Amino acid sequence: MSDAKFEKIIELTNDAEARLLHAHLEERSIPHVIRSYHDTAYDGIFQVQFGWGHIEAPAEYREEILRIHEDLAGS
């Protein structure tokens, strides 16, 4: 995982979505990082402009992550 190049895969709308997706990716051992746009110095103003945050992962997992996200959104 340390040599893998991570890229932005999907935008997240809130903390609950981020936690749920994180749990499913961990369960499948998919390497990923959750990046929140929250900045305590500006009291979260960037989340209002840009959304909650996003998931970064190696490009080879893009389709699988998008499929998992779609499945979760449908349930």
C-alpha atoms as a PDB file:
ATOM      1  CA  MET A   1       0.000   0.000   0.000  1.00  0.00           C
ATOM      2  CA  SER A   2       2.875   2.419   0.658  1.00  0.00           C
ATOM      3  CA  ASP A   3       3.969   2.438  -3.019  1.00  0.00           C
ATOM      4  CA  ALA A   4       0.458   2.762  -4.444  1.00  0.00           C
ATOM      5  CA  LYS A   5      -0.491   6.072  -6.007  1.00  0.00           C
ATOM      6  CA  PHE A   6      -3.780   7.264  -4.558  1.00  0.00           C
ATOM      7  CA  GLU A   7      -6.248   9.357  -6.552  1.00  0.00           C
ATOM      8  CA  LYS A   8      -9.627  10.910  -5.830  1.00  0.00           C
ATOM      9  CA  ILE A   9     -12.319   8.306  -6.488  1.00  0.00           C
ATOM     10  CA  ILE A  10     -15.627   9.652  -5.199  1.00  0.00           C
ATOM     11  CA  GLU A  11     -17.073  12.707  -3.448  1.00  0.00           C
ATOM     12  CA  LEU A  12     -18.782  12.104  -0.113  1.00  0.00           C
ATOM     13  CA  THR A  13     -21.798  14.045   1.114  1.00  0.00           C
ATOM     14  CA  ASN A  14     -21.622  13.468   4.870  1.00  0.00           C
ATOM     15  CA  ASP A  15     -19.922  11.716   7.768  1.00  0.00           C
ATOM     16  CA  ALA A  16     -22.394   8.809   7.858  1.00  0.00           C
ATOM     17  CA  GLU A  17     -21.757   8.012   4.194  1.00  0.00           C
ATOM     18  CA  ALA A  18     -18.000   8.201   4.788  1.00  0.00           C
ATOM     19  CA  ARG A  19     -18.121   5.855   7.784  1.00  0.00           C
ATOM     20  CA  LEU A  20     -20.337   3.312   6.041  1.00  0.00           C
ATOM     21  CA  LEU A  21     -18.216   3.222   2.908  1.00  0.00           C
ATOM     22  CA  HIS A  22     -15.038   3.048   5.017  1.00  0.00           C
ATOM     23  CA  ALA A  23     -16.389   0.005   6.881  1.00  0.00           C
ATOM     24  CA  HIS A  24     -17.189  -1.820   3.633  1.00  0.00           C
ATOM     25  CA  LEU A  25     -13.813  -1.003   2.096  1.00  0.00           C
ATOM     26  CA  GLU A  26     -11.992  -2.143   5.250  1.00  0.00           C
ATOM     27  CA  GLU A  27     -13.998  -5.392   5.202  1.00  0.00           C
ATOM     28  CA  ARG A  28     -12.741  -6.048   1.656  1.00  0.00           C
ATOM     29  CA  SER A  29      -9.155  -4.927   2.451  1.00  0.00           C
ATOM     30  CA  ILE A  30      -9.319  -2.156  -0.154  1.00  0.00           C
ATOM     31  CA  PRO A  31      -6.645   0.458   0.566  1.00  0.00           C
ATOM     32  CA  HIS A  32      -8.155   3.929   0.863  1.00  0.00           C
ATOM     33  CA  VAL A  33      -7.999   7.275   2.616  1.00  0.00           C
ATOM     34  CA  ILE A  34     -10.926   9.466   3.584  1.00  0.00           C
ATOM     35  CA  ARG A  35     -10.248  13.185   3.194  1.00  0.00           C
ATOM     36  CA  SER A  36     -12.608  15.617   4.883  1.00  0.00           C
ATOM     37  CA  TYR A  37     -12.788  19.228   3.736  1.00  0.00           C
ATOM     38  CA  HIS A  38     -13.491  20.341   7.302  1.00  0.00           C
ATOM     39  CA  ASP A  39     -11.075  22.953   8.600  1.00  0.00           C
ATOM     40  CA  THR A  40     -11.410  23.883  12.259  1.00  0.00           C
ATOM     41  CA  ALA A  41      -9.770  27.265  11.687  1.00  0.00           C
ATOM     42  CA  TYR A  42     -12.632  28.221   9.360  1.00  0.00           C
ATOM     43  CA  ASP A  43     -15.362  26.310  11.218  1.00  0.00           C
ATOM     44  CA  GLY A  44     -16.119  23.964   8.331  1.00  0.00           C
ATOM     45  CA  ILE A  45     -16.866  26.650   5.742  1.00  0.00           C
ATOM     46  CA  PHE A  46     -15.098  24.653   3.019  1.00  0.00           C
ATOM     47  CA  GLN A  47     -17.517  21.760   3.514  1.00  0.00           C
ATOM     48  CA  VAL A  48     -20.357  24.108   2.600  1.00  0.00           C
ATOM     49  CA  GLN A  49     -18.568  25.056  -0.623  1.00  0.00           C
ATOM     50  CA  PHE A  50     -16.971  21.777  -1.658  1.00  0.00           C
ATOM     51  CA  GLY A  51     -18.989  19.025   0.058  1.00  0.00           C
ATOM     52  CA  TRP A  52     -18.082  16.828   3.001  1.00  0.00           C
ATOM     53  CA  GLY A  53     -14.973  15.213   1.534  1.00  0.00           C
ATOM     54  CA  HIS A  54     -13.818  12.386  -0.706  1.00  0.00           C
ATOM     55  CA  ILE A  55     -12.273   8.919  -0.865  1.00  0.00           C
ATOM     56  CA  GLU A  56      -8.797   8.400  -2.317  1.00  0.00           C
ATOM     57  CA  ALA A  57      -7.560   4.975  -3.408  1.00  0.00           C
ATOM     58  CA  PRO A  58      -5.355   3.349  -6.050  1.00  0.00           C
ATOM     59  CA  ALA A  59      -6.908   3.623  -9.544  1.00  0.00           C
ATOM     60  CA  GLU A  60      -7.154  -0.156  -9.842  1.00  0.00           C
ATOM     61  CA  TYR A  61      -9.895  -0.157  -7.161  1.00  0.00           C
ATOM     62  CA  ARG A  62     -11.982   2.639  -8.761  1.00  0.00           C
ATOM     63  CA  GLU A  63     -14.675   0.437 -10.327  1.00  0.00           C
ATOM     64  CA  GLU A  64     -15.035  -1.743  -7.247  1.00  0.00           C
ATOM     65  CA  ILE A  65     -15.362   1.281  -4.936  1.00  0.00           C
ATOM     66  CA  LEU A  66     -17.912   2.922  -7.227  1.00  0.00           C
ATOM     67  CA  ARG A  67     -19.914  -0.321  -7.351  1.00  0.00           C
ATOM     68  CA  ILE A  68     -19.865  -0.644  -3.549  1.00  0.00           C
ATOM     69  CA  HIS A  69     -20.934   2.998  -3.174  1.00  0.00           C
ATOM     70  CA  GLU A  70     -23.777   2.510  -5.652  1.00  0.00           C
ATOM     71  CA  ASP A  71     -24.937  -0.635  -3.840  1.00  0.00           C
ATOM     72  CA  LEU A  72     -24.937   1.220  -0.509  1.00  0.00           C
ATOM     73  CA  ALA A  73     -26.811   4.193  -1.969  1.00  0.00           C
ATOM     74  CA  GLY A  74     -29.485   1.854  -3.332  1.00  0.00           C
ATOM     75  CA  SER A  75     -30.129   0.184   0.018  1.00  0.00           C
END
